[in-house]
């Protein structure tokens, strides 16, 4: 058996206090004279014996109480089988989680303040000759060296919240690599964190018998937290001077309902229509905001919630681009398609460019978000490579294969573009219902794609 804090064993000297009380009876007796004591001798003998036994039991109880209290502060531990206590100075690595989740409030203030106070208490329990490493989520260069106790406490004051996030395996790997390079025989690592589920991965930790690892979890008080989960648009395309409908998914992970929480949308730092939301405890709800964009180019959007006490996730950022028009390139195998000309020719937002398959300008691919392969009977190896490069860069391809060359679409899709192609031509007649022609073409086939 060994002790984590053996210095507390000096307090066992306090056992001498009840022993002294027992040996030196400070109680004063008053003498009472009786005319005859012969009838009291037997009673007096029995009383002395019982009183002596009672005093011994009280003495033993006092000694045991003091010893138990001292051992509790000294914290005895039983080493694992085969292990032994190493003598000499210690190298101690202390990690403090300073991510935004540590803004949560515990019983003694914010979790970060509690973590810093815990680290300060830890280093004060070691000898002045022991060395310490301070580690945070920032993995700063100044934290990659051993410090004295005073240097550690001074550097501890500068620890503040950081947007960086580290998993438990990353932290311990950093501590292990650092401590294994130090000459001290005793190596210890402490991890002080709230251990968020997303970063807690103990199953991937590599066991290292040369380093003693201790995790110190911090628990926050139950608090409401409302945050934006994801957003998406009603249509898959953005147009200038056209009303946009943005759907916002908001989650309440708290234990109480929230009412009239302000929700603001900023586009390029200009506030759009503000609103307020109400969500029941533990539920998710969707809200809509409508606005109009009048300037083309990249649109930088920011959603803001007013939520306390957890504020690190009150902002949600996303961006998208709006072009003056949508360029569509049609590579035709047998002349221009009257159907594509009718489809895109009547839309002022879409600009259709027709190009015969024998005169393809590969340099024009990147300026067209959509390429249509219309009735192309043969696809050269050069065209296949350019289409592969185009799709890898985020381009879109729509194929209307020639009915006599279905295998070309299959070869292009499956072998070059790594997507499922056609399996063959099925000569069956099918009757289609009339399309709602008054509705925009892209809206007929639109789906919602959340931005998370």
Protein backbone atom coordinates (compact mmCIF):
# COMPACT_ATOMS: atom_id res chain seq x y z
CA UNK A 1 0.00 0.00 0.00
CA UNK A 2 1.14 3.53 -0.75
CA UNK A 3 -0.29 7.04 -0.26
CA UNK A 4 -1.01 9.76 -2.79
CA UNK A 5 -0.46 12.51 -0.19
CA UNK A 6 1.89 11.00 2.41
CA UNK A 7 2.56 14.39 4.00
CA UNK A 8 -0.81 14.14 5.75
CA UNK A 9 0.50 11.20 7.81
CA UNK A 10 2.23 13.70 10.11
CA UNK A 11 -1.24 14.41 11.45
CA UNK A 12 -1.17 11.00 13.19
CA UNK A 13 0.65 12.80 15.99
CA UNK A 14 -2.78 14.06 17.01
CA UNK A 15 -3.39 10.61 18.50
CA UNK A 16 -1.34 11.74 21.48
CA UNK A 17 -4.15 14.11 22.51
CA UNK A 18 -6.73 11.46 23.59
CA UNK A 19 -3.91 9.37 25.08
CA UNK A 20 -2.83 12.31 27.23
CA UNK A 21 -6.42 12.89 28.30
CA UNK A 22 -6.66 9.24 29.30
CA UNK A 23 -3.38 9.13 31.24
CA UNK A 24 -3.83 12.43 33.04
CA UNK A 25 -7.25 12.58 34.50
CA UNK A 26 -7.95 16.29 34.79
CA UNK A 27 -11.28 15.72 36.46
CA UNK A 28 -11.44 16.91 40.10
CA UNK A 29 -13.17 14.78 42.70
CA UNK A 30 -14.92 16.07 45.77
CA UNK A 31 -14.38 14.12 48.99
CA UNK A 32 -17.56 13.11 50.80
CA UNK A 33 -17.30 11.69 54.34
CA UNK A 34 -19.56 8.91 55.48
CA UNK A 35 -19.98 7.52 58.97
CA UNK A 36 -19.36 3.97 57.78
CA UNK A 37 -18.06 2.64 54.41
CA UNK A 38 -18.06 -1.07 55.08
CA UNK A 39 -21.28 -1.61 53.13
CA UNK A 40 -19.95 0.28 50.05
CA UNK A 41 -16.64 -1.52 49.41
CA UNK A 42 -18.06 -4.17 47.05
CA UNK A 43 -20.01 -1.58 45.04
CA UNK A 44 -16.96 0.70 44.75
CA UNK A 45 -14.81 -2.15 43.32
CA UNK A 46 -17.37 -3.05 40.67
CA UNK A 47 -17.77 0.62 39.64
CA UNK A 48 -14.02 1.13 39.15
CA UNK A 49 -13.76 -1.90 36.83
CA UNK A 50 -16.66 -0.84 34.61
CA UNK A 51 -15.41 2.76 34.52
CA UNK A 52 -11.94 1.63 33.48
CA UNK A 53 -13.37 -0.51 30.62
CA UNK A 54 -15.49 2.40 29.42
CA UNK A 55 -12.50 4.76 29.38
CA UNK A 56 -10.45 2.28 27.35
CA UNK A 57 -13.25 1.92 24.78
CA UNK A 58 -13.60 5.71 24.46
CA UNK A 59 -9.83 6.02 24.03
CA UNK A 60 -9.82 3.38 21.27
CA UNK A 61 -12.71 5.08 19.49
CA UNK A 62 -10.93 8.45 19.54
CA UNK A 63 -7.70 6.95 18.20
CA UNK A 64 -9.56 5.14 15.40
CA UNK A 65 -11.49 8.30 14.45
CA UNK A 66 -8.33 10.41 14.19
CA UNK A 67 -6.49 7.65 12.26
CA UNK A 68 -9.36 7.21 9.79
CA UNK A 69 -9.51 10.96 9.17
CA UNK A 70 -5.75 11.18 8.56
CA UNK A 71 -5.75 8.16 6.21
CA UNK A 72 -8.67 9.61 4.29
CA UNK A 73 -6.69 12.78 3.57
CA UNK A 74 -3.53 10.79 2.75
CA UNK A 75 -5.54 8.68 0.22
CA UNK A 76 -4.02 5.19 0.45
CA UNK A 77 -3.88 3.17 -2.78
CA UNK A 78 -2.96 -0.44 -3.54
CA UNK A 79 -0.64 -0.67 -6.57
CA UNK A 80 -1.59 -3.03 -9.38
CA UNK A 81 0.00 -6.50 -9.30
CA UNK A 82 3.54 -6.42 -10.62
CA UNK A 83 3.85 -2.65 -10.33
CA UNK A 84 6.16 -0.80 -8.05
CA UNK A 85 6.46 2.73 -6.77
CA UNK A 86 9.21 4.67 -8.50
CA UNK A 87 11.33 7.03 -6.47
CA UNK A 88 12.45 10.45 -7.70
CA UNK A 89 11.00 13.61 -9.19
CA UNK A 90 7.79 13.68 -11.21
CA UNK A 91 6.86 15.03 -14.64
CA UNK A 92 3.16 15.96 -14.61
CA UNK A 93 1.09 16.93 -17.66
CA UNK A 94 -2.21 18.70 -16.91
CA UNK A 95 -4.71 19.22 -19.75
CA UNK A 96 -7.45 21.84 -19.33
CA UNK A 97 -10.35 21.72 -21.77
CA UNK A 98 -10.92 25.36 -22.80
CA UNK A 99 -13.49 24.74 -25.55
CA UNK A 100 -16.68 26.78 -25.64
CA UNK A 101 -18.64 24.04 -23.88
CA UNK A 102 -16.70 24.93 -20.72
CA UNK A 103 -18.72 28.16 -20.58
CA UNK A 104 -21.44 26.12 -18.89
CA UNK A 105 -22.05 27.02 -15.27
CA UNK A 106 -21.42 24.57 -12.44
CA UNK A 107 -21.84 24.83 -8.69
CA UNK A 108 -18.72 27.05 -8.42
CA UNK A 109 -19.02 29.25 -11.49
CA UNK A 110 -18.05 28.42 -15.06
CA UNK A 111 -16.50 25.02 -15.76
CA UNK A 112 -13.32 26.64 -17.06
CA UNK A 113 -12.82 28.53 -13.79
CA UNK A 114 -13.39 25.29 -11.89
CA UNK A 115 -10.87 23.48 -14.12
CA UNK A 116 -8.23 26.17 -13.51
CA UNK A 117 -8.84 26.02 -9.74
CA UNK A 118 -8.54 22.21 -9.81
CA UNK A 119 -5.26 22.42 -11.72
CA UNK A 120 -3.92 24.91 -9.17
CA UNK A 121 -4.81 22.58 -6.31
CA UNK A 122 -3.11 19.66 -8.07
CA UNK A 123 0.27 21.34 -8.55
CA UNK A 124 0.34 22.56 -4.96
CA UNK A 125 0.26 18.93 -3.75
CA UNK A 126 3.59 18.12 -5.42
CA UNK A 127 7.16 18.80 -4.31
CA UNK A 128 8.89 22.02 -5.39
CA UNK A 129 11.34 19.95 -7.46
CA UNK A 130 8.59 18.37 -9.63
CA UNK A 131 7.97 19.72 -13.15
CA UNK A 132 4.68 20.43 -14.90
CA UNK A 133 3.27 20.81 -18.41
CA UNK A 134 0.16 22.89 -19.12
CA UNK A 135 -1.85 21.73 -22.15
CA UNK A 136 -5.00 23.24 -23.71
CA UNK A 137 -6.97 22.76 -26.92
CA UNK A 138 -4.75 25.31 -28.68
CA UNK A 139 -1.66 23.02 -28.54
CA UNK A 140 0.52 26.15 -28.34
CA UNK A 141 4.29 25.98 -28.67
CA UNK A 142 4.84 27.64 -25.29
CA UNK A 143 3.01 24.71 -23.67
CA UNK A 144 5.49 22.18 -25.04
CA UNK A 145 8.01 22.46 -22.18
CA UNK A 146 8.24 21.59 -18.51
CA UNK A 147 7.59 24.36 -16.00
CA UNK A 148 8.23 24.95 -12.35
CA UNK A 149 5.28 25.28 -10.03
CA UNK A 150 5.38 29.09 -10.07
CA UNK A 151 5.76 29.22 -13.87
CA UNK A 152 2.81 26.86 -14.25
CA UNK A 153 0.56 28.96 -12.01
CA UNK A 154 1.53 32.11 -13.89
CA UNK A 155 0.78 30.54 -17.28
CA UNK A 156 -2.49 29.14 -15.92
CA UNK A 157 -3.85 32.68 -15.54
CA UNK A 158 -3.71 33.21 -19.34
CA UNK A 159 -5.93 30.23 -20.21
CA UNK A 160 -9.11 31.46 -21.92
CA UNK A 161 -11.85 30.03 -24.14
CA UNK A 162 -10.83 28.77 -27.58
CA UNK A 163 -12.78 27.63 -30.68
CA UNK A 164 -10.38 24.67 -31.02
CA UNK A 165 -11.76 21.22 -30.19
CA UNK A 166 -9.76 18.09 -29.34
CA UNK A 167 -10.76 14.49 -28.82
CA UNK A 168 -9.59 12.59 -25.74
CA UNK A 169 -7.34 10.36 -27.86
CA UNK A 170 -5.61 13.42 -29.38
CA UNK A 171 -4.98 14.92 -25.94
CA UNK A 172 -3.52 11.79 -24.36
CA UNK A 173 -1.41 11.08 -27.45
CA UNK A 174 0.08 14.56 -27.09
CA UNK A 175 0.70 14.04 -23.37
CA UNK A 176 2.23 10.59 -23.91
CA UNK A 177 4.65 11.77 -26.60
CA UNK A 178 5.74 14.70 -24.46
CA UNK A 179 6.20 12.78 -21.19
CA UNK A 180 8.05 9.87 -22.81
CA UNK A 181 10.70 12.33 -23.98
CA UNK A 182 11.36 13.56 -20.40
CA UNK A 183 13.94 11.96 -18.06
CA UNK A 184 11.86 11.98 -14.85
CA UNK A 185 11.11 8.45 -13.60
CA UNK A 186 7.56 9.26 -12.48
CA UNK A 187 5.16 10.43 -15.21
CA UNK A 188 1.56 11.42 -14.57
CA UNK A 189 -1.14 12.88 -16.83
CA UNK A 190 -4.36 14.60 -15.80
CA UNK A 191 -7.31 15.43 -18.07
CA UNK A 192 -9.74 18.05 -16.71
CA UNK A 193 -12.81 18.37 -18.94
CA UNK A 194 -16.58 18.16 -19.17
CA UNK A 195 -16.04 15.21 -21.56
CA UNK A 196 -18.48 16.03 -24.31
CA UNK A 197 -19.84 12.96 -26.05
CA UNK A 198 -18.49 14.04 -29.45
CA UNK A 199 -14.92 14.08 -28.14
CA UNK A 200 -14.99 11.16 -25.70
CA UNK A 201 -13.32 8.17 -27.40
CA UNK A 202 -11.56 6.11 -24.70
CA UNK A 203 -11.79 2.96 -26.83
CA UNK A 204 -8.99 4.21 -29.12
CA UNK A 205 -6.59 5.10 -26.29
CA UNK A 206 -3.33 3.17 -26.36
CA UNK A 207 -2.34 1.76 -22.98
CA UNK A 208 0.97 3.06 -21.64
CA UNK A 209 2.10 1.50 -18.36
CA UNK A 210 4.81 4.13 -17.88
CA UNK A 211 2.27 6.94 -17.48
CA UNK A 212 -0.45 7.23 -14.87
CA UNK A 213 -3.57 8.77 -16.42
CA UNK A 214 -6.32 10.36 -14.31
CA UNK A 215 -9.53 11.89 -15.69
CA UNK A 216 -11.26 14.62 -13.66
CA UNK A 217 -14.80 15.17 -15.01
CA UNK A 218 -16.63 18.45 -14.43
CA UNK A 219 -20.42 18.54 -14.44
CA UNK A 220 -22.49 21.58 -15.33
CA UNK A 221 -25.84 22.48 -13.85
CA UNK A 222 -28.91 21.63 -15.87
CA UNK A 223 -29.47 24.56 -18.23
CA UNK A 224 -31.55 25.37 -21.27
CA UNK A 225 -29.70 25.49 -24.57
CA UNK A 226 -31.26 26.51 -27.87
CA UNK A 227 -29.25 26.32 -31.09
CA UNK A 228 -29.68 26.26 -34.86
CA UNK A 229 -29.37 22.71 -36.14
CA UNK A 230 -29.56 23.20 -39.94
CA UNK A 231 -31.03 25.44 -42.64
CA UNK A 232 -32.26 24.94 -46.22
CA UNK A 233 -34.02 26.78 -49.02
CA UNK A 234 -37.41 26.02 -50.56
CA UNK A 235 -35.91 25.83 -54.07
CA UNK A 236 -32.55 24.44 -55.26
CA UNK A 237 -31.50 27.65 -57.04
CA UNK A 238 -31.00 31.27 -56.03
CA UNK A 239 -32.06 34.20 -58.24
CA UNK A 240 -31.61 37.95 -58.01
CA UNK A 241 -34.56 40.08 -56.94
CA UNK A 242 -36.64 36.96 -56.22
CA UNK A 243 -38.15 36.20 -52.78
CA UNK A 244 -36.16 33.56 -50.88
CA UNK A 245 -37.70 31.31 -48.25
CA UNK A 246 -35.19 30.00 -45.73
CA UNK A 247 -36.26 27.17 -43.40
CA UNK A 248 -34.42 27.05 -40.07
CA UNK A 249 -34.34 23.96 -37.84
CA UNK A 250 -33.85 24.88 -34.16
CA UNK A 251 -33.32 22.43 -31.27
CA UNK A 252 -34.02 22.91 -27.56
CA UNK A 253 -31.96 20.46 -25.47
CA UNK A 254 -33.07 21.98 -22.15
CA UNK A 255 -35.58 20.68 -19.62
CA UNK A 256 -37.96 23.66 -19.80
CA UNK A 257 -39.88 25.34 -22.60
CA UNK A 258 -38.52 28.57 -24.08
CA UNK A 259 -40.72 31.37 -25.38
CA UNK A 260 -40.08 34.40 -27.58
CA UNK A 261 -36.37 33.80 -28.16
CA UNK A 262 -35.08 36.44 -30.65
CA UNK A 263 -33.79 35.01 -33.96
CA UNK A 264 -32.02 37.35 -36.40
CA UNK A 265 -30.73 36.78 -39.94
CA UNK A 266 -27.84 38.83 -41.36
CA UNK A 267 -26.87 38.71 -45.04
CA UNK A 268 -23.53 40.41 -45.72
CA UNK A 269 -23.82 42.03 -42.25
CA UNK A 270 -27.22 43.55 -43.14
CA UNK A 271 -30.08 42.43 -40.92
CA UNK A 272 -33.10 40.91 -42.63
CA UNK A 273 -36.51 40.19 -41.15
CA UNK A 274 -36.11 39.44 -37.40
CA UNK A 275 -38.42 37.01 -35.67
CA UNK A 276 -38.93 35.27 -32.33
CA UNK A 277 -39.35 31.56 -31.71
CA UNK A 278 -40.82 29.29 -29.04
CA UNK A 279 -39.83 25.63 -28.57
CA UNK A 280 -40.89 23.00 -26.07
CA UNK A 281 -38.30 21.24 -23.92
CA UNK A 282 -36.35 18.53 -25.71
CA UNK A 283 -38.02 19.27 -29.04
CA UNK A 284 -36.98 20.41 -32.51
CA UNK A 285 -38.98 22.94 -34.54
CA UNK A 286 -38.78 24.59 -37.97
CA UNK A 287 -39.19 28.27 -38.69
CA UNK A 288 -39.24 30.25 -41.94
CA UNK A 289 -37.75 33.62 -42.87
CA UNK A 290 -38.38 35.33 -46.23
CA UNK A 291 -36.10 37.93 -47.79
CA UNK A 292 -34.81 39.19 -51.17
CA UNK A 293 -31.24 39.49 -52.49
CA UNK A 294 -30.46 42.38 -54.84
CA UNK A 295 -26.68 41.97 -55.31
CA UNK A 296 -25.00 39.03 -57.12
CA UNK A 297 -21.93 37.20 -55.88
CA UNK A 298 -21.12 35.40 -52.63
CA UNK A 299 -23.68 35.88 -49.86
CA UNK A 300 -22.33 35.50 -46.32
CA UNK A 301 -25.19 34.66 -43.95
CA UNK A 302 -25.29 34.59 -40.14
CA UNK A 303 -28.12 33.47 -37.85
CA UNK A 304 -28.09 34.78 -34.27
CA UNK A 305 -29.97 33.49 -31.24
CA UNK A 306 -30.18 35.16 -27.84
CA UNK A 307 -29.78 32.31 -25.39
CA UNK A 308 -28.33 32.07 -21.87
CA UNK A 309 -26.27 30.76 -20.13
CA UNK A 310 -24.72 28.67 -22.98
CA UNK A 311 -23.77 31.18 -25.68
CA UNK A 312 -20.98 29.54 -27.70
CA UNK A 313 -23.45 27.98 -30.18
CA UNK A 314 -25.73 31.00 -30.57
CA UNK A 315 -24.37 31.84 -34.04
CA UNK A 316 -24.77 29.77 -37.21
CA UNK A 317 -22.85 30.68 -40.38
CA UNK A 318 -23.44 29.63 -43.99
CA UNK A 319 -22.79 31.07 -47.44
CA UNK A 320 -23.95 30.64 -51.02
CA UNK A 321 -23.45 32.29 -54.41
CA UNK A 322 -25.91 34.09 -56.68
CA UNK A 323 -25.02 34.53 -60.35
CA UNK A 324 -26.56 36.95 -62.82
CA UNK A 325 -27.67 33.94 -64.84
CA UNK A 326 -27.29 30.17 -65.07
CA UNK A 327 -25.13 28.98 -67.94
CA UNK A 328 -26.11 25.63 -69.46
CA UNK A 329 -23.94 23.90 -72.06
CA UNK A 330 -25.62 21.35 -74.36
CA UNK A 331 -23.30 18.99 -76.29
CA UNK A 332 -25.46 17.72 -79.15
CA UNK A 333 -24.89 14.52 -81.05
CA UNK A 334 -27.47 15.06 -83.78
CA UNK A 335 -28.31 18.73 -83.86
CA UNK A 336 -29.92 21.07 -81.37
CA UNK A 337 -32.82 19.79 -79.33
CA UNK A 338 -36.04 21.80 -79.79
CA UNK A 339 -37.16 20.62 -76.37
CA UNK A 340 -34.09 22.00 -74.57
CA UNK A 341 -34.37 25.25 -76.54
CA UNK A 342 -38.00 25.59 -75.49
CA UNK A 343 -37.23 24.67 -71.89
CA UNK A 344 -34.37 27.08 -71.32
CA UNK A 345 -35.03 29.65 -74.02
CA UNK A 346 -38.07 31.14 -72.28
CA UNK A 347 -36.26 31.57 -68.96
CA UNK A 348 -34.47 34.93 -68.65
CA UNK A 349 -32.31 33.52 -65.86
CA UNK A 350 -30.95 30.61 -67.93
CA UNK A 351 -28.53 31.03 -70.84
CA UNK A 352 -28.30 27.95 -73.09
CA UNK A 353 -25.24 27.36 -75.29
CA UNK A 354 -25.38 24.62 -77.95
CA UNK A 355 -22.19 22.90 -79.04
CA UNK A 356 -21.82 20.01 -81.57
CA UNK A 357 -19.95 16.96 -80.32
CA UNK A 358 -17.33 17.42 -83.04
CA UNK A 359 -16.42 20.96 -81.93
CA UNK A 360 -16.22 20.79 -78.15
CA UNK A 361 -14.49 23.63 -76.31
CA UNK A 362 -13.18 22.03 -73.10
CA UNK A 363 -12.13 25.42 -71.70
CA UNK A 364 -15.82 26.42 -71.51
CA UNK A 365 -16.73 23.59 -69.13
CA UNK A 366 -15.84 25.41 -65.90
CA UNK A 367 -18.01 28.42 -66.78
CA UNK A 368 -21.14 26.23 -67.08
CA UNK A 369 -22.60 24.74 -63.85
CA UNK A 370 -24.60 22.26 -65.96
CA UNK A 371 -23.57 20.24 -69.03
CA UNK A 372 -26.19 18.32 -71.02
CA UNK A 373 -25.10 15.36 -73.18
CA UNK A 374 -27.89 15.33 -75.75
CA UNK A 375 -28.01 12.28 -78.03
CA UNK A 376 -24.23 11.77 -78.10
CA UNK A 377 -23.49 8.44 -79.80
CA UNK A 378 -19.78 8.16 -79.00
CA UNK A 379 -17.65 9.63 -76.21
CA UNK A 380 -13.91 9.85 -76.79
CA UNK A 381 -11.37 9.11 -74.07
CA UNK A 382 -10.43 12.80 -73.99
CA UNK A 383 -14.05 13.84 -73.38
CA UNK A 384 -14.39 11.22 -70.66
CA UNK A 385 -11.35 12.58 -68.84
CA UNK A 386 -12.57 16.17 -69.11
CA UNK A 387 -16.02 15.22 -67.81
CA UNK A 388 -14.43 13.35 -64.91
CA UNK A 389 -12.34 16.40 -64.05
CA UNK A 390 -15.44 18.59 -64.40
CA UNK A 391 -17.56 16.50 -61.99
CA UNK A 392 -14.68 16.23 -59.48
CA UNK A 393 -14.68 20.03 -59.39
CA UNK A 394 -18.39 20.16 -58.51
CA UNK A 395 -19.93 20.30 -61.98
CA UNK A 396 -23.26 18.68 -62.91
CA UNK A 397 -24.01 16.47 -65.91
CA UNK A 398 -27.42 15.56 -67.35
CA UNK A 399 -27.49 12.78 -69.97
CA UNK A 400 -30.14 12.22 -72.66
CA UNK A 401 -28.58 9.17 -74.37
CA UNK A 402 -29.28 8.22 -77.94
CA UNK A 403 -31.63 5.26 -77.96
CA UNK A 404 -29.22 3.29 -80.13
CA UNK A 405 -26.24 3.95 -77.83
CA UNK A 406 -27.49 3.23 -74.31
CA UNK A 407 -24.20 1.49 -73.47
CA UNK A 408 -22.35 4.80 -73.86
CA UNK A 409 -24.25 6.32 -70.93
CA UNK A 410 -23.61 3.18 -68.88
CA UNK A 411 -19.88 3.23 -69.62
CA UNK A 412 -19.57 6.93 -68.84
CA UNK A 413 -21.58 6.82 -65.62
CA UNK A 414 -20.31 3.58 -64.13
CA UNK A 415 -16.69 3.38 -65.23
CA UNK A 416 -15.71 7.06 -65.39
CA UNK A 417 -18.05 8.96 -63.06
CA UNK A 418 -18.45 6.18 -60.43
CA UNK A 419 -22.26 6.35 -60.43
CA UNK A 420 -24.89 3.84 -61.44
CA UNK A 421 -25.70 3.82 -65.14
CA UNK A 422 -28.46 2.24 -67.21
CA UNK A 423 -28.90 -1.51 -67.56
CA UNK A 424 -30.42 -1.51 -71.04
CA UNK A 425 -33.30 -0.37 -73.19
CA UNK A 426 -36.83 -1.51 -72.22
CA UNK A 427 -39.14 -1.09 -75.27
CA UNK A 428 -42.37 -0.37 -73.38
CA UNK A 429 -44.84 2.46 -73.78
CA UNK A 430 -45.68 4.57 -70.75
CA UNK A 431 -48.19 7.41 -70.44
CA UNK A 432 -47.09 10.40 -68.35
CA UNK A 433 -49.36 12.73 -66.48
CA UNK A 434 -49.26 16.35 -67.66
CA UNK A 435 -46.68 18.48 -65.84
CA UNK A 436 -47.80 21.67 -64.05
CA UNK A 437 -46.45 23.98 -66.74
CA UNK A 438 -47.14 27.14 -64.75
CA UNK A 439 -44.69 26.03 -62.06
CA UNK A 440 -40.94 26.68 -62.60
CA UNK A 441 -39.28 23.60 -64.07
CA UNK A 442 -36.65 23.28 -61.34
CA UNK A 443 -39.28 23.47 -58.62
CA UNK A 444 -41.06 20.38 -59.91
CA UNK A 445 -38.08 18.17 -59.06
CA UNK A 446 -36.74 20.13 -56.10
CA UNK A 447 -35.79 18.57 -52.79
CA UNK A 448 -34.71 20.16 -49.54
CA UNK A 449 -31.02 19.81 -48.72
CA UNK A 450 -30.21 20.96 -45.17
CA UNK A 451 -27.04 22.97 -44.60
CA UNK A 452 -25.56 21.62 -41.38
